[in-house]
Protein backbone atom coordinates (compact mmCIF):
# COMPACT_ATOMS: atom_id res chain seq x y z
CA MET A 1 41.54 134.29 -204.65
CA LEU A 2 44.58 132.20 -203.46
CA VAL A 3 44.43 131.04 -206.63
CA LEU A 4 45.07 134.68 -207.77
CA MET A 5 47.15 135.56 -205.27
CA LEU A 6 49.66 132.64 -205.92
CA GLY A 7 50.06 133.56 -209.10
CA VAL A 8 50.27 137.39 -209.25
CA GLY A 9 53.15 136.88 -206.72
CA ILE A 10 54.96 133.59 -208.16
CA TYR A 11 54.71 136.15 -211.37
CA LEU A 12 56.00 138.56 -209.34
CA THR A 13 59.10 136.98 -208.55
CA VAL A 14 59.83 135.05 -211.58
CA GLY A 15 59.44 138.72 -212.68
CA LEU A 16 61.70 139.08 -210.28
CA LYS A 17 64.48 136.70 -210.54
CA ALA A 18 64.22 135.84 -206.97
CA MET A 19 65.04 139.73 -205.38
CA THR A 20 62.76 138.86 -202.59
CA TRP A 21 64.57 135.70 -201.37
CA ARG A 22 67.64 136.83 -201.99
CA LYS A 23 67.52 139.26 -199.36
CA ILE A 24 65.75 137.38 -196.75
CA PRO A 25 69.25 137.11 -194.53
CA ARG A 26 69.39 141.34 -194.89
CA ALA A 27 65.77 141.56 -193.27
CA PHE A 28 66.16 138.98 -190.89
CA ARG A 29 69.63 140.93 -188.97
CA GLY A 30 67.01 144.76 -189.99
CA LEU A 31 64.62 142.59 -187.48
CA TRP A 32 68.06 141.24 -185.20
CA ILE A 33 69.74 144.66 -184.63
CA GLY A 34 66.36 145.36 -182.41
CA LYS A 35 63.95 147.60 -185.43
CA ARG A 36 59.95 146.49 -185.07
CA PRO A 37 57.78 146.17 -187.37
CA GLU A 38 55.63 148.29 -188.41
CA ASP A 39 51.75 147.14 -187.69
CA GLU A 40 52.16 144.24 -185.27
CA SER A 41 48.25 143.17 -185.37
CA LYS A 42 48.66 140.80 -187.66
CA ILE A 43 49.63 138.08 -185.48
CA THR A 44 46.83 138.03 -184.66
CA GLY A 45 45.25 137.09 -188.30
CA VAL A 46 47.67 134.38 -187.58
CA VAL A 47 47.17 133.10 -184.96
CA THR A 48 43.33 132.82 -185.79
CA ALA A 49 44.94 130.96 -189.41
CA ILE A 50 46.96 128.23 -186.73
CA VAL A 51 43.69 127.35 -184.20
CA LEU A 52 41.10 127.57 -187.30
CA GLY A 53 43.09 125.39 -189.98
CA GLY A 54 45.19 123.71 -187.77
CA PRO A 55 49.22 123.16 -188.61
CA GLY A 56 48.18 122.91 -193.07
CA ALA A 57 47.64 127.15 -191.72
CA VAL A 58 51.08 127.48 -190.89
CA PHE A 59 52.24 124.95 -194.60
CA TRP A 60 49.66 128.04 -196.82
CA ILE A 61 50.82 130.63 -195.14
CA TRP A 62 54.70 130.34 -195.86
CA MET A 63 53.87 129.19 -199.50
CA THR A 64 51.65 132.87 -199.75
CA ALA A 65 54.65 134.75 -197.75
CA LEU A 66 56.98 133.30 -199.70
CA VAL A 67 55.60 135.13 -202.81
CA ALA A 68 53.35 137.64 -201.85
CA MET A 69 56.68 139.10 -200.68
CA ALA A 70 57.47 140.04 -205.23
CA THR A 71 53.89 141.20 -204.35
CA GLN A 72 54.25 144.08 -201.53
CA TYR A 73 57.83 144.96 -203.39
CA GLY A 74 55.68 146.14 -207.05
CA GLN A 75 53.57 147.63 -205.42
CA ALA A 76 56.25 149.69 -202.85
CA ALA A 77 58.54 150.09 -206.40
CA LEU A 78 55.17 151.42 -207.97
CA SER A 79 52.88 153.88 -205.23
CA PRO A 80 55.54 156.83 -205.58
CA ILE A 81 55.05 157.03 -209.60
CA ILE A 82 51.53 156.50 -209.51
CA LEU A 83 51.50 158.67 -207.48
CA ARG A 84 53.38 161.52 -209.10
CA ILE A 85 51.93 160.41 -211.95
CA THR A 86 48.31 161.33 -209.84
CA ARG A 87 49.28 164.59 -208.61
CA LYS A 88 50.88 165.90 -212.73
CA TYR A 89 47.29 165.06 -213.98
CA PHE A 90 44.91 165.04 -212.28
CA GLY A 91 46.29 168.32 -210.12
CA TRP A 92 45.46 166.54 -206.31
CA GLN A 93 47.97 167.71 -202.99
CA SER A 94 47.32 164.53 -201.66
CA ILE A 95 45.21 161.39 -201.67
């Protein structure tokens, strides 16, 4: 699973020309002006990984996060398009 996630993330990062890494300063500016994250429960998984995995877990969390940003961007960019196509061809009002 980790290999697949890292592979797809690296593929998308290269395909997007490292756009997600170039926008990191903008993301931190958003954090510093007082915007709150949408999902604060993810910290529980991080803490559990650090407690169970030790310092090595922190390294893999960072490596996975760096390439997972591209995957998240791709999902956010494609979801409105797929929703439009689904509504057009299948007539669903909500999914």
